[in-house]
Amino acid sequence: MRRTLASLDYSFRRLVNILGPERVSRDPMERLMYSHDFASLPKIAHLQWKMIPDFIAVPKTVEEVSRLIQFAYEAGIPIVPRGGGTGIVGGSVPNRGGILLDLRRMDRVEVIDTERRTVSVQAGRTWKELADIVAARGMFLPVSPLGAPASTIGGWFATGGVGIGSCKYGDARDLVLDMEVVLPSGEIVRTADRSADLSVAYANLNPAFFGSEGTVGVITSLTLQLFPKPEALTPLSYSFKDLAGAKDVPAAIAGSDLEPYNASFLDPIHLAFVKAVRPDSLDPQALANIVFEGPKDEVTASEKEMDGLIAGLGGKKLPEDVARSQWEGRFDLYPARRISGGLVITQAEFPVSRFSDMVRRTTRLARRLRMQVAVNSFLVDRNSLAVEPYFLMDEQAPLGPLTLAFVKKFGDVAFALGGHPRGLGLFTAFNFRKMHKGATGIYETVKSQLDPYRKMNPGKMTEVWTRYNLPIVNVIPPEAMTLGLEVAAFVRRLKPTSDRYVKIETGGR
């Protein structure tokens, strides 16, 4: 449906009738702020997608969300839910304008049940805020995203969240007991109500929305499992010359009796990026940051065992104040954004046993594309490692946007080593069929049943819509997107000089 000025005016009045004038906006500058997520995009992307929404709507209640969705369906307008905007694949970025549903005002903590150790909270509350609130009550929210100060409860669940604490407590899915969701029809449902027999097939619908990226419903409230606040939490930091020197650490931890709360690995390029912004920070080196929590005597014993394990692998233990500083800065991994006009992050999951191969192949890939790429990672569980390379991008340079080819080629590395990319959204939807193969049709069937008119965050995950609602040019075939990125990679390899945003003096990569 083509949106004329008259139809936009009518839609604006309808939205104001639902929310009031103070919670609906058509302001051009405000709408521009919602045209991207955490990752940078070249300006040419705006030719391909209409990433600036037509309206910003800010609901406070589930009833308002339901009414907004019903109106969007009546008017034939796409509706895109958004939390904190900390995603990196465009899942909360419009591709054909429409209504941007900003859920951050839905931030009420509804119930804290100290006996059952649960908390019910609206989806727009951030993870750090909620963690602080329950900590004041003597409880512990054990898993959180790397962007916890801005990442919302519902948004991280909807993007298949793994992060800090996943190594011991699982992913976001393992914490969620029940949810309130508004379907594309406007119907409000509970996904795993206590009155339901969850042993019956399909009674627990939580998995249907985990990682769904807002394409089959809007999560408005969640009930989460809490844990007792640990007696002790001790961060430890160990140094290696480069990431290749730390290649055996993840597998050694996974193969031991140790049960770290978190285990992350930072490479010298990351520390060089940080030092360029903060001169008093650590010199470039590879770090293994390990955290233990629990009873004090168990944490002390784990620290001693960890010290011995690292010493046997050639690592050096860093002072306590360094480890504490690393832990306190765990949510601030990307100050390097200030060095350049753009910063791009990608993520993939690898078998722990292929960590060394991942380091070697990713290093070679960055060298071939003449790029400086920082490669950070963390243990997801004893078998899996989440790897998050990131790089700076000069959006104004003629070949700057071609660095996005790294995202596709790094995904190829993951597939080759028995892993897979994480996240689909708008920018990496071409991976869906490669990851899910024959099961792709099942998702499309579910999507068609719940969202027959394709208005709920449309043109994402299994397909890539363009801004043009015309035959032939309305969708980018996955093969075409893949080919375009392969061409970009080829052109990058012809670049006579390598990107050098910072100088690395470790003798590493």
Protein backbone atom coordinates (compact mmCIF):
# COMPACT_ATOMS: atom_id res chain seq x y z
CA MET A 1 0.00 0.00 0.00
CA ARG A 2 1.46 3.35 -1.07
CA ARG A 3 1.40 5.88 1.75
CA THR A 4 0.32 9.32 0.56
CA LEU A 5 0.58 12.50 2.60
CA ALA A 6 -3.17 12.33 3.25
CA SER A 7 -2.97 8.73 4.47
CA LEU A 8 0.00 9.59 6.69
CA ASP A 9 -1.93 12.48 8.21
CA TYR A 10 -4.89 10.18 8.87
CA SER A 11 -2.63 7.53 10.41
CA PHE A 12 -0.99 10.12 12.65
CA ARG A 13 -4.37 11.24 13.97
CA ARG A 14 -5.37 7.64 14.66
CA LEU A 15 -2.13 7.01 16.54
CA VAL A 16 -2.65 10.15 18.60
CA ASN A 17 -6.14 8.93 19.47
CA ILE A 18 -4.60 5.73 20.86
CA LEU A 19 -1.62 7.15 22.76
CA GLY A 20 -2.09 10.89 23.02
CA PRO A 21 0.04 13.55 21.29
CA GLU A 22 2.98 13.31 23.70
CA ARG A 23 3.74 9.67 22.80
CA VAL A 24 3.51 9.81 19.00
CA SER A 25 6.05 11.60 16.82
CA ARG A 26 6.57 12.53 13.17
CA ASP A 27 9.54 14.77 13.92
CA PRO A 28 12.18 14.20 11.19
CA MET A 29 15.17 14.32 13.53
CA GLU A 30 13.60 11.99 16.06
CA ARG A 31 12.64 9.52 13.34
CA LEU A 32 16.21 9.62 11.99
CA MET A 33 17.51 8.43 15.38
CA TYR A 34 15.57 5.18 14.91
CA SER A 35 16.97 4.43 11.44
CA HIS A 36 19.85 2.31 12.74
CA ASP A 37 20.79 0.06 15.63
CA PHE A 38 24.20 -0.17 17.34
CA ALA A 39 26.05 -1.10 14.16
CA SER A 40 27.04 1.48 11.58
CA LEU A 41 25.71 1.41 8.04
CA PRO A 42 26.92 3.22 4.93
CA LYS A 43 24.66 5.92 3.54
CA ILE A 44 24.06 3.83 0.43
CA ALA A 45 21.91 1.51 2.55
CA HIS A 46 19.19 4.15 2.54
CA LEU A 47 18.81 3.62 -1.22
CA GLN A 48 18.01 -0.02 -0.58
CA TRP A 49 15.77 0.30 2.49
CA LYS A 50 13.45 2.94 3.92
CA MET A 51 15.04 2.75 7.35
CA ILE A 52 13.50 5.96 8.68
CA PRO A 53 10.08 5.13 10.16
CA ASP A 54 7.01 7.20 9.34
CA PHE A 55 5.95 7.36 13.00
CA ILE A 56 7.37 6.73 16.45
CA ALA A 57 4.82 5.27 18.87
CA VAL A 58 5.65 4.88 22.57
CA PRO A 59 3.16 2.64 24.43
CA LYS A 60 3.07 2.07 28.18
CA THR A 61 0.58 -0.80 28.47
CA VAL A 62 -0.12 -4.09 26.74
CA GLU A 63 -3.58 -2.82 25.79
CA GLU A 64 -1.99 0.10 23.93
CA VAL A 65 0.35 -2.28 22.09
CA SER A 66 -2.64 -4.39 21.07
CA ARG A 67 -4.53 -1.37 19.75
CA LEU A 68 -1.49 -0.13 17.84
CA ILE A 69 -1.00 -3.50 16.17
CA GLN A 70 -4.67 -3.76 15.25
CA PHE A 71 -4.54 -0.30 13.71
CA ALA A 72 -1.38 -1.13 11.75
CA TYR A 73 -3.16 -4.15 10.27
CA GLU A 74 -6.25 -2.12 9.38
CA ALA A 75 -4.16 0.58 7.71
CA GLY A 76 -1.76 -1.83 5.99
CA ILE A 77 1.27 -0.25 7.68
CA PRO A 78 4.33 -2.25 8.80
CA ILE A 79 5.00 -2.16 12.54
CA VAL A 80 8.51 -2.70 13.93
CA PRO A 81 9.07 -3.35 17.67
CA ARG A 82 12.24 -1.94 19.23
CA GLY A 83 13.88 -2.19 22.64
CA GLY A 84 17.17 -0.49 23.44
CA GLY A 85 18.46 -0.49 19.85
CA THR A 86 21.59 -2.45 20.84
CA GLY A 87 21.25 -5.05 18.09
CA ILE A 88 23.80 -5.43 15.31
CA VAL A 89 21.85 -7.01 12.41
CA GLY A 90 19.05 -4.49 11.80
CA GLY A 91 16.31 -6.53 13.45
CA SER A 92 14.72 -3.38 14.89
CA VAL A 93 15.37 -1.20 11.85
CA PRO A 94 12.49 -0.56 9.41
CA ASN A 95 12.90 -1.51 5.78
CA ARG A 96 9.72 0.16 4.48
CA GLY A 97 9.10 2.84 7.06
CA GLY A 98 5.89 2.33 8.99
CA ILE A 99 5.32 2.50 12.75
CA LEU A 100 8.33 2.14 15.03
CA LEU A 101 7.13 0.73 18.35
CA ASP A 102 9.50 2.04 21.05
CA LEU A 103 8.91 -0.20 24.07
CA ARG A 104 11.26 1.50 26.52
CA ARG A 105 8.45 3.22 28.43
CA MET A 106 7.08 -0.22 29.28
CA ASP A 107 9.55 -0.52 32.15
CA ARG A 108 7.46 -1.31 35.21
CA VAL A 109 8.63 -4.02 37.62
CA GLU A 110 5.30 -5.71 38.27
CA VAL A 111 6.02 -8.32 40.97
CA ILE A 112 9.10 -9.53 42.85
CA ASP A 113 8.29 -12.85 44.52
CA THR A 114 11.03 -13.49 47.09
CA GLU A 115 9.64 -16.91 48.04
CA ARG A 116 9.53 -18.30 44.51
CA ARG A 117 12.55 -16.19 43.53
CA THR A 118 10.88 -14.76 40.45
CA VAL A 119 10.36 -11.31 39.03
CA SER A 120 7.70 -10.17 36.56
CA VAL A 121 8.70 -7.11 34.58
CA GLN A 122 7.59 -5.23 31.50
CA ALA A 123 9.73 -5.83 28.45
CA GLY A 124 11.21 -2.33 28.20
CA ARG A 125 13.21 -2.42 31.43
CA THR A 126 16.96 -2.74 30.92
CA TRP A 127 18.89 -5.72 32.21
CA LYS A 128 21.22 -3.65 34.37
CA GLU A 129 18.36 -1.75 35.99
CA LEU A 130 16.57 -4.98 36.81
CA ALA A 131 19.75 -6.64 38.08
CA ASP A 132 20.34 -3.71 40.45
CA ILE A 133 16.73 -3.78 41.67
CA VAL A 134 16.72 -7.48 42.52
CA ALA A 135 20.23 -7.28 44.02
CA ALA A 136 18.88 -4.77 46.53
CA ARG A 137 16.45 -7.51 47.57
CA GLY A 138 19.26 -10.05 48.04
CA MET A 139 18.70 -11.84 44.74
CA PHE A 140 20.72 -12.40 41.61
CA LEU A 141 19.82 -12.05 37.92
CA PRO A 142 22.64 -14.23 36.64
CA VAL A 143 22.63 -13.68 32.88
CA SER A 144 22.91 -10.36 31.07
CA PRO A 145 23.88 -9.02 27.64
CA LEU A 146 27.12 -7.16 26.98
CA GLY A 147 24.96 -4.09 26.41
CA ALA A 148 23.05 -4.50 29.69
CA PRO A 149 22.82 -0.75 30.52
CA ALA A 150 20.72 -0.20 27.37
CA SER A 151 19.55 -3.65 26.27
CA THR A 152 15.95 -4.36 27.28
CA ILE A 153 14.57 -7.54 28.84
CA GLY A 154 12.21 -8.32 25.96
CA GLY A 155 14.59 -7.24 23.23
CA TRP A 156 17.40 -9.51 24.31
CA PHE A 157 15.10 -12.51 24.64
CA ALA A 158 13.65 -11.80 21.19
CA THR A 159 17.16 -11.78 19.70
CA GLY A 160 18.20 -15.12 21.22
CA GLY A 161 20.36 -13.62 23.94
CA VAL A 162 23.56 -15.21 25.20
CA GLY A 163 26.06 -13.21 27.19
CA ILE A 164 27.63 -12.69 30.59
CA GLY A 165 26.79 -15.61 32.87
CA SER A 166 25.60 -17.92 30.06
CA CYS A 167 28.63 -20.12 30.66
CA LYS A 168 27.13 -21.23 34.00
CA TYR A 169 23.43 -20.35 33.88
CA GLY A 170 22.46 -20.75 30.23
CA ASP A 171 20.95 -18.21 27.85
CA ALA A 172 18.01 -15.83 28.25
CA ARG A 173 15.64 -18.66 27.37
CA ASP A 174 16.69 -20.59 30.49
CA LEU A 175 15.63 -17.72 32.77
CA VAL A 176 12.19 -17.03 31.28
CA LEU A 177 9.29 -18.83 32.94
CA ASP A 178 6.38 -17.09 31.24
CA MET A 179 5.67 -14.18 28.91
CA GLU A 180 2.89 -11.92 27.81
CA VAL A 181 2.89 -11.50 24.04
CA VAL A 182 0.73 -9.52 21.62
CA LEU A 183 0.24 -11.47 18.40
CA PRO A 184 0.00 -9.83 14.95
CA SER A 185 -3.80 -10.04 15.26
CA GLY A 186 -3.69 -7.91 18.40
CA GLU A 187 -4.59 -10.87 20.62
CA ILE A 188 -2.86 -10.91 24.02
CA VAL A 189 -1.60 -14.34 25.13
CA ARG A 190 0.42 -15.95 27.94
CA THR A 191 3.09 -18.34 26.73
CA ALA A 192 3.57 -20.62 29.77
CA ASP A 193 0.96 -19.82 32.40
CA ARG A 194 1.31 -21.56 35.77
CA SER A 195 -2.13 -23.09 35.32
CA ALA A 196 -0.96 -24.93 32.19
CA ASP A 197 0.43 -28.45 32.19
CA LEU A 198 3.79 -27.67 30.60
CA SER A 199 4.56 -31.35 30.10
CA VAL A 200 1.99 -31.36 27.29
CA ALA A 201 3.28 -30.70 23.78
CA TYR A 202 3.05 -27.05 22.70
CA ALA A 203 1.86 -25.91 26.16
CA ASN A 204 5.07 -23.94 26.64
CA LEU A 205 5.24 -21.39 23.83
CA ASN A 206 8.32 -19.54 25.11
CA PRO A 207 10.64 -21.17 22.54
CA ALA A 208 8.43 -19.94 19.69
CA PHE A 209 9.38 -16.35 20.51
CA PHE A 210 13.00 -16.84 21.56
CA GLY A 211 15.11 -15.34 18.78
CA SER A 212 12.03 -14.45 16.72
CA GLU A 213 13.20 -10.82 16.44
CA GLY A 214 9.70 -9.40 16.72
CA THR A 215 8.48 -11.06 13.53
CA VAL A 216 5.63 -13.11 15.05
CA GLY A 217 4.62 -11.04 18.06
CA VAL A 218 5.57 -8.30 20.50
CA ILE A 219 6.80 -9.39 23.94
CA THR A 220 5.34 -7.01 26.53
CA SER A 221 6.07 -8.69 29.87
CA LEU A 222 8.25 -11.53 31.18
CA THR A 223 8.54 -13.57 34.36
CA LEU A 224 12.15 -14.49 35.10
CA GLN A 225 13.81 -16.97 37.45
CA LEU A 226 16.10 -15.41 40.06
CA PHE A 227 18.84 -16.95 42.20
CA PRO A 228 20.26 -16.23 45.66
CA LYS A 229 22.86 -13.48 45.63
CA PRO A 230 26.28 -15.20 45.65
CA GLU A 231 28.47 -14.90 48.73
CA ALA A 232 31.52 -14.05 46.64
CA LEU A 233 32.24 -12.93 43.09
CA THR A 234 35.90 -12.80 42.04
CA PRO A 235 37.13 -11.59 38.64
CA LEU A 236 40.54 -12.77 37.40
CA SER A 237 42.60 -11.57 34.44
CA TYR A 238 45.42 -13.41 32.69
CA SER A 239 47.69 -12.11 29.96
CA PHE A 240 49.07 -13.71 26.80
CA LYS A 241 51.20 -12.17 24.05
CA ASP A 242 48.48 -12.69 21.46
CA LEU A 243 45.25 -14.59 20.92
CA ALA A 244 47.10 -17.50 19.31
CA GLY A 245 49.00 -17.89 22.58
CA ALA A 246 45.70 -18.29 24.43
CA LYS A 247 44.37 -20.80 21.92
CA ASP A 248 44.19 -23.71 24.37
CA VAL A 249 42.51 -21.85 27.24
CA PRO A 250 38.83 -22.30 26.26
CA ALA A 251 39.20 -26.05 25.71
CA ALA A 252 41.22 -26.42 28.92
CA ILE A 253 38.47 -24.72 30.93
CA ALA A 254 35.75 -26.74 29.21
CA GLY A 255 37.61 -29.97 29.91
CA SER A 256 38.23 -29.23 33.59
CA ASP A 257 36.02 -29.43 36.66
CA LEU A 258 36.00 -25.64 36.86
CA GLU A 259 32.65 -23.90 36.58
CA PRO A 260 33.33 -20.24 35.82
CA TYR A 261 30.50 -17.75 35.93
CA ASN A 262 31.98 -16.05 32.89
CA ALA A 263 35.00 -16.58 30.65
CA SER A 264 35.84 -14.02 27.99
CA PHE A 265 38.84 -13.52 25.73
CA LEU A 266 40.03 -10.16 24.35
CA ASP A 267 42.64 -9.75 21.65
CA PRO A 268 45.49 -7.21 21.26
CA ILE A 269 43.75 -5.20 18.54
CA HIS A 270 40.80 -4.62 20.87
CA LEU A 271 43.13 -3.37 23.60
CA ALA A 272 44.95 -1.18 21.06
CA PHE A 273 41.62 0.35 20.03
CA VAL A 274 40.81 1.01 23.70
CA LYS A 275 44.24 2.51 24.39
CA ALA A 276 43.85 4.90 21.46
CA VAL A 277 40.85 6.36 23.29
CA ARG A 278 42.09 5.86 26.88
CA PRO A 279 45.89 6.23 27.00
CA ASP A 280 46.11 5.01 30.61
CA SER A 281 44.56 1.63 29.77
CA LEU A 282 46.41 -1.69 29.31
CA ASP A 283 48.98 -2.10 26.56
CA PRO A 284 47.92 -4.35 23.65
CA GLN A 285 47.97 -8.01 24.66
CA ALA A 286 45.53 -10.90 24.75
CA LEU A 287 43.45 -11.27 27.91
CA ALA A 288 41.55 -14.15 29.42
CA ASN A 289 39.05 -12.65 31.86
CA ILE A 290 37.58 -15.33 34.12
CA VAL A 291 34.96 -14.80 36.83
CA PHE A 292 33.91 -17.19 39.60
CA GLU A 293 30.93 -16.73 41.92
CA GLY A 294 29.39 -18.76 44.73
CA PRO A 295 30.39 -19.75 48.28
CA LYS A 296 33.62 -17.99 49.26
CA ASP A 297 35.65 -21.15 49.90
CA GLU A 298 34.64 -22.63 46.53
CA VAL A 299 35.55 -19.42 44.72
CA THR A 300 38.97 -19.36 46.43
CA ALA A 301 39.62 -22.98 45.46
CA SER A 302 38.55 -22.30 41.85
CA GLU A 303 40.91 -19.33 41.65
CA LYS A 304 43.87 -21.47 42.71
CA GLU A 305 42.99 -24.16 40.19
CA MET A 306 42.57 -21.55 37.46
CA ASP A 307 45.96 -20.01 38.30
CA GLY A 308 47.60 -23.40 37.84
CA LEU A 309 45.79 -24.10 34.59
CA ILE A 310 46.80 -20.76 33.06
CA ALA A 311 50.40 -21.05 34.24
CA GLY A 312 50.61 -24.42 32.52
CA LEU A 313 49.47 -22.79 29.27
CA GLY A 314 52.02 -19.98 29.39
CA GLY A 315 49.78 -17.21 30.69
CA LYS A 316 50.54 -14.59 33.33
CA LYS A 317 48.17 -13.59 36.12
CA LEU A 318 47.51 -9.84 36.26
CA PRO A 319 47.03 -7.82 39.47
CA GLU A 320 43.68 -7.81 41.25
CA ASP A 321 43.01 -4.16 40.40
CA VAL A 322 43.37 -4.93 36.68
CA ALA A 323 40.91 -7.80 36.93
CA ARG A 324 38.47 -5.64 38.88
CA SER A 325 38.77 -2.88 36.27
CA GLN A 326 38.13 -5.35 33.46
CA TRP A 327 35.03 -6.66 35.23
CA GLU A 328 33.66 -3.20 35.98
CA GLY A 329 34.17 -2.24 32.33
CA ARG A 330 32.46 -5.35 30.95
CA PHE A 331 29.57 -3.30 29.53
CA ASP A 332 31.85 -0.78 27.79
CA LEU A 333 33.64 -2.80 25.14
CA TYR A 334 33.44 -0.39 22.21
CA PRO A 335 35.00 3.00 23.04
CA ALA A 336 36.79 2.63 19.69
CA ARG A 337 33.67 4.04 18.03
CA ARG A 338 35.19 7.46 18.77
CA ILE A 339 38.20 6.73 16.54
CA SER A 340 36.23 6.43 13.30
CA GLY A 341 32.88 7.37 11.85
CA GLY A 342 31.61 3.81 12.03
CA LEU A 343 31.92 0.54 13.93
CA VAL A 344 30.56 -2.81 12.79
CA ILE A 345 30.18 -5.92 14.97
CA THR A 346 29.33 -9.42 13.87
CA GLN A 347 28.84 -12.59 15.90
CA ALA A 348 29.08 -16.32 15.34
CA GLU A 349 29.14 -19.43 17.49
CA PHE A 350 31.96 -21.98 17.21
CA PRO A 351 32.76 -25.32 18.83
CA VAL A 352 35.23 -24.75 21.67
CA SER A 353 37.52 -27.32 20.05
CA ARG A 354 37.88 -25.10 16.95
CA PHE A 355 38.99 -21.93 18.77
CA SER A 356 42.54 -22.16 17.45
CA ASP A 357 41.31 -22.71 13.89
CA MET A 358 38.91 -19.77 14.26
CA VAL A 359 41.74 -17.46 15.37
CA ARG A 360 43.96 -18.56 12.49
CA ARG A 361 41.28 -18.27 9.79
CA THR A 362 39.88 -14.98 11.06
CA THR A 363 43.37 -13.48 11.21
CA ARG A 364 43.99 -14.60 7.64
CA LEU A 365 40.62 -13.24 6.50
CA ALA A 366 41.28 -9.82 8.04
CA ARG A 367 44.71 -9.73 6.39
CA ARG A 368 43.27 -10.63 2.97
CA LEU A 369 40.63 -7.92 3.24
CA ARG A 370 43.30 -5.47 4.43
CA MET A 371 41.46 -4.71 7.63
CA GLN A 372 42.17 -4.32 11.33
CA VAL A 373 39.69 -6.59 13.09
CA ALA A 374 39.43 -7.09 16.86
CA VAL A 375 38.32 -10.60 17.80
CA ASN A 376 36.65 -10.95 21.21
CA SER A 377 34.85 -14.04 22.46
CA PHE A 378 33.25 -15.70 25.47
CA LEU A 379 32.22 -19.20 26.52
CA VAL A 380 28.54 -19.94 25.97
CA ASP A 381 28.82 -23.39 27.56
CA ARG A 382 31.37 -26.21 27.69
CA ASN A 383 30.89 -26.92 24.00
CA SER A 384 30.35 -23.52 22.41
CA LEU A 385 32.09 -20.20 22.14
CA ALA A 386 30.50 -16.95 20.94
CA VAL A 387 32.95 -14.90 18.88
CA GLU A 388 32.35 -11.18 18.26
CA PRO A 389 34.79 -9.62 15.81
CA TYR A 390 34.43 -5.90 15.23
CA PHE A 391 36.10 -3.36 13.01
CA LEU A 392 36.08 0.36 12.33
CA MET A 393 34.64 1.68 9.10
CA ASP A 394 35.17 5.01 7.39
CA GLU A 395 31.77 5.63 5.85
CA GLN A 396 33.13 8.51 3.77
CA ALA A 397 35.99 6.58 2.16
CA PRO A 398 35.22 5.18 -1.33
CA LEU A 399 36.01 1.61 -0.29
CA GLY A 400 34.90 1.98 3.33
CA PRO A 401 31.49 0.27 3.01
CA LEU A 402 33.15 -2.69 1.28
CA THR A 403 34.45 -3.78 4.68
CA LEU A 404 30.95 -5.16 5.31
CA ALA A 405 32.11 -8.11 3.21
CA PHE A 406 33.92 -9.29 6.34
CA VAL A 407 30.53 -10.08 7.95
CA LYS A 408 29.65 -12.53 5.20
CA LYS A 409 33.12 -14.09 4.96
CA PHE A 410 33.36 -14.53 8.74
CA GLY A 411 30.02 -16.34 8.62
CA ASP A 412 31.58 -18.66 6.04
CA VAL A 413 34.42 -19.36 8.48
CA ALA A 414 31.87 -20.30 11.14
CA PHE A 415 30.05 -22.70 8.80
CA ALA A 416 33.34 -24.29 7.72
CA LEU A 417 34.35 -24.97 11.33
CA GLY A 418 31.06 -26.50 12.43
CA GLY A 419 29.56 -23.31 13.83
CA HIS A 420 27.08 -20.74 12.59
CA PRO A 421 26.46 -16.98 12.53
CA ARG A 422 24.25 -15.54 15.28
CA GLY A 423 21.37 -13.19 14.50
CA LEU A 424 19.55 -12.61 11.22
CA GLY A 425 17.53 -9.41 11.23
CA LEU A 426 17.65 -7.43 8.02
CA PHE A 427 21.35 -7.49 7.14
CA THR A 428 22.23 -11.19 7.49
CA ALA A 429 18.94 -12.88 6.58
CA PHE A 430 20.74 -14.55 3.68
CA ASN A 431 22.13 -17.03 6.24
CA PHE A 432 18.73 -18.41 7.30
CA ARG A 433 18.34 -21.10 4.64
CA LYS A 434 21.95 -22.15 4.98
CA MET A 435 21.50 -22.64 8.73
CA HIS A 436 18.05 -24.24 8.80
CA LYS A 437 17.83 -25.89 5.37
CA GLY A 438 14.55 -27.85 5.12
CA ALA A 439 13.18 -26.41 8.35
CA THR A 440 12.95 -22.98 6.71
CA GLY A 441 9.48 -23.85 5.44
CA ILE A 442 8.26 -24.51 8.99
CA TYR A 443 9.12 -20.97 10.05
CA GLU A 444 7.46 -19.55 6.95
CA THR A 445 4.31 -21.57 7.74
CA VAL A 446 4.22 -20.23 11.31
CA LYS A 447 4.81 -16.69 10.06
CA SER A 448 2.04 -16.99 7.47
CA GLN A 449 -0.43 -18.33 10.03
CA LEU A 450 0.27 -15.69 12.67
CA ASP A 451 0.99 -12.78 10.32
CA PRO A 452 -0.82 -13.50 7.03
CA TYR A 453 -0.48 -9.91 5.76
CA ARG A 454 3.20 -9.68 6.74
CA LYS A 455 2.99 -6.44 8.68
CA MET A 456 4.82 -7.51 11.87
CA ASN A 457 8.48 -6.54 11.39
CA PRO A 458 8.22 -7.80 7.81
CA GLY A 459 10.93 -8.65 5.31
CA LYS A 460 13.36 -10.00 7.91
CA MET A 461 14.95 -13.34 8.85
CA THR A 462 13.93 -15.51 5.86
CA GLU A 463 13.67 -12.77 3.25
CA VAL A 464 15.03 -9.29 2.67
CA TRP A 465 12.50 -6.70 1.56
CA THR A 466 13.65 -3.53 -0.12
CA ARG A 467 11.99 -0.14 0.21
CA TYR A 468 10.35 -0.61 -3.18
CA ASN A 469 6.97 -2.35 -3.08
CA LEU A 470 7.14 -3.23 -6.78
CA PRO A 471 7.51 -6.56 -8.61
CA ILE A 472 11.07 -7.84 -9.13
CA VAL A 473 12.73 -5.11 -7.00
CA ASN A 474 10.67 -5.63 -3.83
CA VAL A 475 12.84 -8.46 -2.46
CA ILE A 476 16.58 -9.13 -2.57
CA PRO A 477 17.16 -12.86 -3.17
CA PRO A 478 19.65 -14.35 -0.67
CA GLU A 479 21.84 -15.40 -3.59
CA ALA A 480 22.02 -11.81 -4.84
CA MET A 481 22.95 -10.47 -1.41
CA THR A 482 25.61 -13.15 -1.04
CA LEU A 483 27.01 -12.41 -4.50
CA GLY A 484 27.15 -8.69 -3.76
CA LEU A 485 29.18 -9.28 -0.60
CA GLU A 486 31.50 -11.67 -2.44
CA VAL A 487 32.15 -8.96 -5.03
CA ALA A 488 32.80 -6.48 -2.20
CA ALA A 489 35.34 -8.90 -0.71
CA PHE A 490 37.07 -9.26 -4.08
CA VAL A 491 37.35 -5.49 -4.50
CA ARG A 492 38.65 -5.09 -0.93
CA ARG A 493 41.47 -7.50 -1.72
CA LEU A 494 42.58 -5.18 -4.53
CA LYS A 495 43.04 -2.31 -2.09
CA PRO A 496 46.74 -1.32 -2.23
CA THR A 497 47.07 -0.53 1.49
CA SER A 498 45.62 -1.97 4.68
CA ASP A 499 43.44 -0.09 7.14
CA ARG A 500 45.53 1.05 10.09
CA TYR A 501 43.49 2.83 12.71
CA VAL A 502 45.92 1.95 15.52
CA LYS A 503 49.48 0.67 15.82
CA ILE A 504 49.96 -2.78 17.34
CA GLU A 505 53.30 -3.34 19.11
CA THR A 506 52.88 -6.81 20.56
CA GLY A 507 54.32 -8.74 17.66
CA GLY A 508 50.98 -10.48 17.31
CA ARG A 509 48.51 -10.08 14.49
